[in-house]
């Protein structure tokens, strides 16, 4: 019984945000967001790119929000930062 309760709790835990970072193919600074979210907001503005499509951003820290969940990511100059998760 205890194992079943623990397994159920584990299933209800949201997925942890995850990311990868690599050199951008075009040398620019890009952010790619792959979240299952009706509206992604980055730095208090709606994210203009479709899910899974990189878009240019300024290097530095950015706040990515989906509903009531938010996380800060740091995108380095000349990289493609691929982000997914947000617990959905």
PDB file of N, CA and C in Angstrom:
ATOM      1  N   UNK A   1       0.823  -1.188   0.000  1.00  0.00           N
ATOM      2  CA  UNK A   1       0.000   0.000   0.000  1.00  0.00           C
ATOM      3  C   UNK A   1       0.874   1.260   0.000  1.00  0.00           C
ATOM      4  N   UNK A   2       1.908   1.282   0.881  1.00  0.00           N
ATOM      5  CA  UNK A   2       2.784   2.437   0.957  1.00  0.00           C
ATOM      6  C   UNK A   2       3.490   2.675  -0.382  1.00  0.00           C
ATOM      7  N   UNK A   3       3.942   1.590  -1.037  1.00  0.00           N
ATOM      8  CA  UNK A   3       4.620   1.727  -2.328  1.00  0.00           C
ATOM      9  C   UNK A   3       3.685   2.315  -3.367  1.00  0.00           C
ATOM     10  N   UNK A   4       2.425   1.897  -3.357  1.00  0.00           N
ATOM     11  CA  UNK A   4       1.455   2.432  -4.315  1.00  0.00           C
ATOM     12  C   UNK A   4       1.243   3.921  -4.084  1.00  0.00           C
ATOM     13  N   UNK A   5       1.175   4.343  -2.820  1.00  0.00           N
ATOM     14  CA  UNK A   5       1.016   5.769  -2.513  1.00  0.00           C
ATOM     15  C   UNK A   5       2.224   6.554  -2.983  1.00  0.00           C
ATOM     16  N   UNK A   6       3.413   6.036  -2.738  1.00  0.00           N
ATOM     17  CA  UNK A   6       4.620   6.729  -3.177  1.00  0.00           C
ATOM     18  C   UNK A   6       4.685   6.804  -4.696  1.00  0.00           C
ATOM     19  N   UNK A   7       4.301   5.729  -5.371  1.00  0.00           N
ATOM     20  CA  UNK A   7       4.294   5.725  -6.835  1.00  0.00           C
ATOM     21  C   UNK A   7       3.301   6.750  -7.362  1.00  0.00           C
ATOM     22  N   UNK A   8       2.141   6.854  -6.735  1.00  0.00           N
ATOM     23  CA  UNK A   8       1.132   7.821  -7.156  1.00  0.00           C
ATOM     24  C   UNK A   8       1.648   9.248  -6.972  1.00  0.00           C
ATOM     25  N   UNK A   9       2.303   9.515  -5.858  1.00  0.00           N
ATOM     26  CA  UNK A   9       2.863  10.841  -5.629  1.00  0.00           C
ATOM     27  C   UNK A   9       3.927  11.166  -6.656  1.00  0.00           C
ATOM     28  N   UNK A  10       4.752  10.196  -6.990  1.00  0.00           N
ATOM     29  CA  UNK A  10       5.799  10.414  -7.985  1.00  0.00           C
ATOM     30  C   UNK A  10       5.189  10.752  -9.338  1.00  0.00           C
ATOM     31  N   UNK A  11       4.084  10.114  -9.676  1.00  0.00           N
ATOM     32  CA  UNK A  11       3.429  10.378 -10.961  1.00  0.00           C
ATOM     33  C   UNK A  11       2.846  11.781 -11.019  1.00  0.00           C
ATOM     34  N   UNK A  12       2.471  12.338  -9.891  1.00  0.00           N
ATOM     35  CA  UNK A  12       1.854  13.660  -9.878  1.00  0.00           C
ATOM     36  C   UNK A  12       2.879  14.783  -9.855  1.00  0.00           C
ATOM     37  N   UNK A  13       4.155  14.461  -9.687  1.00  0.00           N
ATOM     38  CA  UNK A  13       5.185  15.493  -9.672  1.00  0.00           C
ATOM     39  C   UNK A  13       5.355  16.040 -11.088  1.00  0.00           C
ATOM     40  N   UNK A  14       5.425  17.371 -11.241  1.00  0.00           N
ATOM     41  CA  UNK A  14       5.610  17.926 -12.579  1.00  0.00           C
ATOM     42  C   UNK A  14       6.990  17.601 -13.120  1.00  0.00           C
ATOM     43  N   UNK A  15       7.083  17.570 -14.443  1.00  0.00           N
ATOM     44  CA  UNK A  15       8.378  17.350 -15.087  1.00  0.00           C
ATOM     45  C   UNK A  15       9.277  18.546 -14.784  1.00  0.00           C
ATOM     46  N   UNK A  16      10.534  18.266 -14.554  1.00  0.00           N
ATOM     47  CA  UNK A  16      11.472  19.351 -14.289  1.00  0.00           C
ATOM     48  C   UNK A  16      11.841  20.022 -15.605  1.00  0.00           C
ATOM     49  N   UNK A  17      11.986  21.349 -15.593  1.00  0.00           N
ATOM     50  CA  UNK A  17      12.442  22.011 -16.803  1.00  0.00           C
ATOM     51  C   UNK A  17      13.808  21.463 -17.217  1.00  0.00           C
ATOM     52  N   UNK A  18      14.053  21.418 -18.471  1.00  0.00           N
ATOM     53  CA  UNK A  18      15.319  20.899 -18.983  1.00  0.00           C
ATOM     54  C   UNK A  18      15.772  21.775 -20.151  1.00  0.00           C
ATOM     55  N   UNK A  19      17.057  21.710 -20.438  1.00  0.00           N
ATOM     56  CA  UNK A  19      17.573  22.527 -21.519  1.00  0.00           C
ATOM     57  C   UNK A  19      18.862  21.948 -22.071  1.00  0.00           C
ATOM     58  N   UNK A  20      19.181  22.377 -23.277  1.00  0.00           N
ATOM     59  CA  UNK A  20      20.482  22.111 -23.879  1.00  0.00           C
ATOM     60  C   UNK A  20      20.965  23.426 -24.479  1.00  0.00           C
ATOM     61  N   UNK A  21      22.255  23.532 -24.643  1.00  0.00           N
ATOM     62  CA  UNK A  21      22.829  24.726 -25.246  1.00  0.00           C
ATOM     63  C   UNK A  21      23.954  24.287 -26.171  1.00  0.00           C
ATOM     64  N   UNK A  22      23.936  24.858 -27.359  1.00  0.00           N
ATOM     65  CA  UNK A  22      24.976  24.520 -28.340  1.00  0.00           C
ATOM     66  C   UNK A  22      25.277  25.761 -29.168  1.00  0.00           C
ATOM     67  N   UNK A  23      26.345  25.713 -29.906  1.00  0.00           N
ATOM     68  CA  UNK A  23      26.682  26.821 -30.796  1.00  0.00           C
ATOM     69  C   UNK A  23      25.560  26.997 -31.813  1.00  0.00           C
ATOM     70  N   UNK A  24      25.122  28.233 -32.013  1.00  0.00           N
ATOM     71  CA  UNK A  24      24.076  28.511 -32.999  1.00  0.00           C
ATOM     72  C   UNK A  24      24.652  28.313 -34.403  1.00  0.00           C
ATOM     73  N   UNK A  25      23.895  27.650 -35.272  1.00  0.00           N
ATOM     74  CA  UNK A  25      24.414  27.392 -36.620  1.00  0.00           C
ATOM     75  C   UNK A  25      24.726  28.665 -37.406  1.00  0.00           C
ATOM     76  N   UNK A  26      23.982  29.740 -37.123  1.00  0.00           N
ATOM     77  CA  UNK A  26      24.204  30.990 -37.863  1.00  0.00           C
ATOM     78  C   UNK A  26      25.048  31.991 -37.081  1.00  0.00           C
ATOM     79  N   UNK A  27      25.542  31.601 -35.898  1.00  0.00           N
ATOM     80  CA  UNK A  27      26.363  32.491 -35.081  1.00  0.00           C
ATOM     81  C   UNK A  27      25.562  33.481 -34.266  1.00  0.00           C
ATOM     82  N   UNK A  28      24.230  33.476 -34.420  1.00  0.00           N
ATOM     83  CA  UNK A  28      23.381  34.386 -33.656  1.00  0.00           C
ATOM     84  C   UNK A  28      23.122  33.846 -32.256  1.00  0.00           C
ATOM     85  N   UNK A  29      22.255  34.511 -31.546  1.00  0.00           N
ATOM     86  CA  UNK A  29      21.850  34.080 -30.220  1.00  0.00           C
ATOM     87  C   UNK A  29      20.374  33.745 -30.295  1.00  0.00           C
ATOM     88  N   UNK A  30      20.054  32.454 -30.070  1.00  0.00           N
ATOM     89  CA  UNK A  30      18.700  31.961 -30.312  1.00  0.00           C
ATOM     90  C   UNK A  30      18.130  31.255 -29.093  1.00  0.00           C
ATOM     91  N   UNK A  31      16.822  31.373 -28.918  1.00  0.00           N
ATOM     92  CA  UNK A  31      16.096  30.665 -27.879  1.00  0.00           C
ATOM     93  C   UNK A  31      15.009  29.836 -28.547  1.00  0.00           C
ATOM     94  N   UNK A  32      14.961  28.560 -28.205  1.00  0.00           N
ATOM     95  CA  UNK A  32      13.948  27.641 -28.733  1.00  0.00           C
ATOM     96  C   UNK A  32      13.175  27.083 -27.543  1.00  0.00           C
ATOM     97  N   UNK A  33      11.863  27.268 -27.547  1.00  0.00           N
ATOM     98  CA  UNK A  33      11.023  26.820 -26.434  1.00  0.00           C
ATOM     99  C   UNK A  33      10.102  25.720 -26.926  1.00  0.00           C
ATOM    100  N   UNK A  34      10.176  24.587 -26.262  1.00  0.00           N
ATOM    101  CA  UNK A  34       9.413  23.401 -26.641  1.00  0.00           C
ATOM    102  C   UNK A  34       8.468  23.014 -25.504  1.00  0.00           C
ATOM    103  N   UNK A  35       7.607  23.918 -25.094  1.00  0.00           N
ATOM    104  CA  UNK A  35       6.712  23.666 -23.959  1.00  0.00           C
ATOM    105  C   UNK A  35       5.287  23.449 -24.456  1.00  0.00           C
ATOM    106  N   UNK A  36       4.605  22.477 -23.861  1.00  0.00           N
ATOM    107  CA  UNK A  36       3.188  22.289 -24.145  1.00  0.00           C
ATOM    108  C   UNK A  36       2.429  23.300 -23.297  1.00  0.00           C
ATOM    109  N   UNK A  37       2.188  24.444 -23.887  1.00  0.00           N
ATOM    110  CA  UNK A  37       1.606  25.559 -23.163  1.00  0.00           C
ATOM    111  C   UNK A  37       0.765  26.378 -24.138  1.00  0.00           C
ATOM    112  N   UNK A  38      -0.427  26.795 -23.725  1.00  0.00           N
ATOM    113  CA  UNK A  38      -1.240  27.586 -24.642  1.00  0.00           C
ATOM    114  C   UNK A  38      -0.617  28.931 -25.000  1.00  0.00           C
ATOM    115  N   UNK A  39       0.099  29.538 -24.049  1.00  0.00           N
ATOM    116  CA  UNK A  39       0.771  30.804 -24.339  1.00  0.00           C
ATOM    117  C   UNK A  39       2.052  30.896 -23.529  1.00  0.00           C
ATOM    118  N   UNK A  40       3.169  30.919 -24.226  1.00  0.00           N
ATOM    119  CA  UNK A  40       4.474  31.102 -23.579  1.00  0.00           C
ATOM    120  C   UNK A  40       4.761  32.601 -23.551  1.00  0.00           C
ATOM    121  N   UNK A  41       5.230  33.067 -22.399  1.00  0.00           N
ATOM    122  CA  UNK A  41       5.577  34.477 -22.227  1.00  0.00           C
ATOM    123  C   UNK A  41       7.051  34.551 -21.838  1.00  0.00           C
ATOM    124  N   UNK A  42       7.803  35.384 -22.555  1.00  0.00           N
ATOM    125  CA  UNK A  42       9.226  35.570 -22.260  1.00  0.00           C
ATOM    126  C   UNK A  42       9.444  37.046 -21.962  1.00  0.00           C
ATOM    127  N   UNK A  43       9.995  37.316 -20.794  1.00  0.00           N
ATOM    128  CA  UNK A  43      10.264  38.695 -20.378  1.00  0.00           C
ATOM    129  C   UNK A  43       9.009  39.564 -20.494  1.00  0.00           C
ATOM    130  N   UNK A  44       7.885  39.022 -20.047  1.00  0.00           N
ATOM    131  CA  UNK A  44       6.590  39.726 -19.997  1.00  0.00           C
ATOM    132  C   UNK A  44       5.977  40.029 -21.363  1.00  0.00           C
ATOM    133  N   UNK A  45       6.424  39.354 -22.412  1.00  0.00           N
ATOM    134  CA  UNK A  45       5.836  39.533 -23.744  1.00  0.00           C
ATOM    135  C   UNK A  45       5.521  38.151 -24.333  1.00  0.00           C
ATOM    136  N   UNK A  46       4.420  38.028 -25.086  1.00  0.00           N
ATOM    137  CA  UNK A  46       4.121  36.738 -25.725  1.00  0.00           C
ATOM    138  C   UNK A  46       5.277  36.302 -26.620  1.00  0.00           C
ATOM    139  N   UNK A  47       5.617  35.007 -26.545  1.00  0.00           N
ATOM    140  CA  UNK A  47       6.717  34.481 -27.359  1.00  0.00           C
ATOM    141  C   UNK A  47       6.237  34.376 -28.798  1.00  0.00           C
ATOM    142  N   UNK A  48       6.956  34.988 -29.750  1.00  0.00           N
ATOM    143  CA  UNK A  48       6.472  35.061 -31.130  1.00  0.00           C
ATOM    144  C   UNK A  48       6.660  33.788 -31.956  1.00  0.00           C
ATOM    145  N   UNK A  49       7.546  32.909 -31.543  1.00  0.00           N
ATOM    146  CA  UNK A  49       7.867  31.740 -32.369  1.00  0.00           C
ATOM    147  C   UNK A  49       6.976  30.556 -32.014  1.00  0.00           C
ATOM    148  N   UNK A  50       6.638  29.728 -33.007  1.00  0.00           N
ATOM    149  CA  UNK A  50       5.895  28.498 -32.713  1.00  0.00           C
ATOM    150  C   UNK A  50       6.737  27.538 -31.873  1.00  0.00           C
ATOM    151  N   UNK A  51       6.072  26.608 -31.246  1.00  0.00           N
ATOM    152  CA  UNK A  51       6.736  25.595 -30.423  1.00  0.00           C
ATOM    153  C   UNK A  51       7.842  24.906 -31.227  1.00  0.00           C
ATOM    154  N   UNK A  52       9.045  24.861 -30.646  1.00  0.00           N
ATOM    155  CA  UNK A  52      10.153  24.144 -31.269  1.00  0.00           C
ATOM    156  C   UNK A  52      10.874  24.889 -32.370  1.00  0.00           C
ATOM    157  N   UNK A  53      10.558  26.170 -32.577  1.00  0.00           N
ATOM    158  CA  UNK A  53      11.226  26.956 -33.621  1.00  0.00           C
ATOM    159  C   UNK A  53      12.095  28.018 -32.941  1.00  0.00           C
ATOM    160  N   UNK A  54      13.396  28.045 -33.215  1.00  0.00           N
ATOM    161  CA  UNK A  54      14.275  29.035 -32.583  1.00  0.00           C
ATOM    162  C   UNK A  54      13.941  30.460 -33.029  1.00  0.00           C
ATOM    163  N   UNK A  55      14.122  31.400 -32.107  1.00  0.00           N
ATOM    164  CA  UNK A  55      13.932  32.820 -32.422  1.00  0.00           C
ATOM    165  C   UNK A  55      15.090  33.597 -31.792  1.00  0.00           C
ATOM    166  N   UNK A  56      15.484  34.699 -32.420  1.00  0.00           N
ATOM    167  CA  UNK A  56      16.597  35.480 -31.881  1.00  0.00           C
ATOM    168  C   UNK A  56      16.223  36.160 -30.560  1.00  0.00           C
ATOM    169  N   UNK A  57      17.193  36.209 -29.651  1.00  0.00           N
ATOM    170  CA  UNK A  57      17.060  36.927 -28.381  1.00  0.00           C
ATOM    171  C   UNK A  57      18.393  37.612 -28.081  1.00  0.00           C
ATOM    172  N   UNK A  58      18.355  38.560 -27.165  1.00  0.00           N
ATOM    173  CA  UNK A  58      19.592  39.174 -26.703  1.00  0.00           C
ATOM    174  C   UNK A  58      20.258  38.210 -25.726  1.00  0.00           C
ATOM    175  N   UNK A  59      21.580  38.166 -25.709  1.00  0.00           N
ATOM    176  CA  UNK A  59      22.251  37.334 -24.709  1.00  0.00           C
ATOM    177  C   UNK A  59      21.880  37.817 -23.305  1.00  0.00           C
ATOM    178  N   UNK A  60      21.827  36.875 -22.382  1.00  0.00           N
ATOM    179  CA  UNK A  60      21.559  37.230 -20.994  1.00  0.00           C
ATOM    180  C   UNK A  60      20.442  36.398 -20.396  1.00  0.00           C
ATOM    181  N   UNK A  61      19.953  36.854 -19.236  1.00  0.00           N
ATOM    182  CA  UNK A  61      18.909  36.128 -18.516  1.00  0.00           C
ATOM    183  C   UNK A  61      17.539  36.520 -19.039  1.00  0.00           C
ATOM    184  N   UNK A  62      16.667  35.502 -19.144  1.00  0.00           N
ATOM    185  CA  UNK A  62      15.301  35.700 -19.613  1.00  0.00           C
ATOM    186  C   UNK A  62      14.353  34.909 -18.717  1.00  0.00           C
ATOM    187  N   UNK A  63      13.187  35.466 -18.462  1.00  0.00           N
ATOM    188  CA  UNK A  63      12.168  34.794 -17.652  1.00  0.00           C
ATOM    189  C   UNK A  63      11.147  34.177 -18.601  1.00  0.00           C
ATOM    190  N   UNK A  64      11.034  32.847 -18.556  1.00  0.00           N
ATOM    191  CA  UNK A  64      10.098  32.100 -19.401  1.00  0.00           C
ATOM    192  C   UNK A  64       8.930  31.682 -18.517  1.00  0.00           C
ATOM    193  N   UNK A  65       7.704  32.038 -18.952  1.00  0.00           N
ATOM    194  CA  UNK A  65       6.521  31.736 -18.143  1.00  0.00           C
ATOM    195  C   UNK A  65       5.471  31.026 -18.973  1.00  0.00           C
ATOM    196  N   UNK A  66       4.823  30.064 -18.326  1.00  0.00           N
ATOM    197  CA  UNK A  66       3.695  29.345 -18.908  1.00  0.00           C
ATOM    198  C   UNK A  66       2.652  29.237 -17.798  1.00  0.00           C
ATOM    199  N   UNK A  67       1.568  29.975 -17.916  1.00  0.00           N
ATOM    200  CA  UNK A  67       0.573  29.976 -16.853  1.00  0.00           C
ATOM    201  C   UNK A  67       1.179  30.514 -15.574  1.00  0.00           C
ATOM    202  N   UNK A  68       1.063  29.756 -14.485  1.00  0.00           N
ATOM    203  CA  UNK A  68       1.603  30.203 -13.203  1.00  0.00           C
ATOM    204  C   UNK A  68       3.003  29.663 -12.937  1.00  0.00           C
ATOM    205  N   UNK A  69       3.603  28.990 -13.900  1.00  0.00           N
ATOM    206  CA  UNK A  69       4.954  28.448 -13.736  1.00  0.00           C
ATOM    207  C   UNK A  69       5.934  29.312 -14.524  1.00  0.00           C
ATOM    208  N   UNK A  70       7.068  29.594 -13.889  1.00  0.00           N
ATOM    209  CA  UNK A  70       8.082  30.412 -14.551  1.00  0.00           C
ATOM    210  C   UNK A  70       9.466  29.932 -14.151  1.00  0.00           C
ATOM    211  N   UNK A  71      10.407  30.166 -15.037  1.00  0.00           N
ATOM    212  CA  UNK A  71      11.799  29.807 -14.778  1.00  0.00           C
ATOM    213  C   UNK A  71      12.679  30.838 -15.474  1.00  0.00           C
ATOM    214  N   UNK A  72      13.844  31.085 -14.892  1.00  0.00           N
ATOM    215  CA  UNK A  72      14.801  31.990 -15.503  1.00  0.00           C
ATOM    216  C   UNK A  72      15.851  31.169 -16.237  1.00  0.00           C
ATOM    217  N   UNK A  73      16.141  31.552 -17.475  1.00  0.00           N
ATOM    218  CA  UNK A  73      17.177  30.879 -18.252  1.00  0.00           C
ATOM    219  C   UNK A  73      18.205  31.928 -18.671  1.00  0.00           C
ATOM    220  N   UNK A  74      19.439  31.482 -18.873  1.00  0.00           N
ATOM    221  CA  UNK A  74      20.478  32.378 -19.356  1.00  0.00           C
ATOM    222  C   UNK A  74      20.971  31.883 -20.703  1.00  0.00           C
ATOM    223  N   UNK A  75      20.838  32.748 -21.692  1.00  0.00           N
ATOM    224  CA  UNK A  75      21.244  32.420 -23.059  1.00  0.00           C
ATOM    225  C   UNK A  75      22.558  33.145 -23.329  1.00  0.00           C
ATOM    226  N   UNK A  76      23.581  32.381 -23.680  1.00  0.00           N
ATOM    227  CA  UNK A  76      24.899  32.970 -23.942  1.00  0.00           C
ATOM    228  C   UNK A  76      25.022  33.406 -25.403  1.00  0.00           C
ATOM    229  N   UNK A  77      25.832  34.402 -25.629  1.00  0.00           N
ATOM    230  CA  UNK A  77      26.056  34.956 -26.958  1.00  0.00           C
ATOM    231  C   UNK A  77      26.511  33.860 -27.930  1.00  0.00           C
ATOM    232  N   UNK A  78      25.899  33.815 -29.103  1.00  0.00           N
ATOM    233  CA  UNK A  78      26.291  32.875 -30.147  1.00  0.00           C
ATOM    234  C   UNK A  78      25.816  31.452 -29.940  1.00  0.00           C
ATOM    235  N   UNK A  79      24.830  31.252 -29.046  1.00  0.00           N
ATOM    236  CA  UNK A  79      24.346  29.895 -28.787  1.00  0.00           C
ATOM    237  C   UNK A  79      22.874  29.744 -29.139  1.00  0.00           C
ATOM    238  N   UNK A  80      22.493  28.502 -29.320  1.00  0.00           N
ATOM    239  CA  UNK A  80      21.089  28.109 -29.445  1.00  0.00           C
ATOM    240  C   UNK A  80      20.738  27.445 -28.121  1.00  0.00           C
ATOM    241  N   UNK A  81      19.848  28.068 -27.360  1.00  0.00           N
ATOM    242  CA  UNK A  81      19.414  27.541 -26.069  1.00  0.00           C
ATOM    243  C   UNK A  81      18.050  26.907 -26.282  1.00  0.00           C
ATOM    244  N   UNK A  82      17.989  25.585 -26.150  1.00  0.00           N
ATOM    245  CA  UNK A  82      16.753  24.828 -26.355  1.00  0.00           C
ATOM    246  C   UNK A  82      16.183  24.492 -24.981  1.00  0.00           C
ATOM    247  N   UNK A  83      14.966  24.956 -24.720  1.00  0.00           N
ATOM    248  CA  UNK A  83      14.355  24.815 -23.408  1.00  0.00           C
ATOM    249  C   UNK A  83      13.017  24.090 -23.537  1.00  0.00           C
ATOM    250  N   UNK A  84      12.774  23.141 -22.617  1.00  0.00           N
ATOM    251  CA  UNK A  84      11.472  22.468 -22.575  1.00  0.00           C
ATOM    252  C   UNK A  84      11.163  22.079 -21.133  1.00  0.00           C
ATOM    253  N   UNK A  85       9.923  21.746 -20.902  1.00  0.00           N
ATOM    254  CA  UNK A  85       9.523  21.328 -19.566  1.00  0.00           C
ATOM    255  C   UNK A  85       8.452  22.198 -18.961  1.00  0.00           C
ATOM    256  N   UNK A  86       8.823  23.060 -18.065  1.00  0.00           N
ATOM    257  CA  UNK A  86       7.910  23.934 -17.322  1.00  0.00           C
ATOM    258  C   UNK A  86       6.856  23.161 -16.549  1.00  0.00           C
ATOM    259  N   UNK A  87       7.057  21.877 -16.378  1.00  0.00           N
ATOM    260  CA  UNK A  87       6.144  21.104 -15.560  1.00  0.00           C
ATOM    261  C   UNK A  87       4.862  20.702 -16.224  1.00  0.00           C
ATOM    262  N   UNK A  88       4.738  20.870 -17.542  1.00  0.00           N
ATOM    263  CA  UNK A  88       3.509  20.476 -18.227  1.00  0.00           C
ATOM    264  C   UNK A  88       3.748  19.264 -19.081  1.00  0.00           C
TER     265      UNK A  88
END
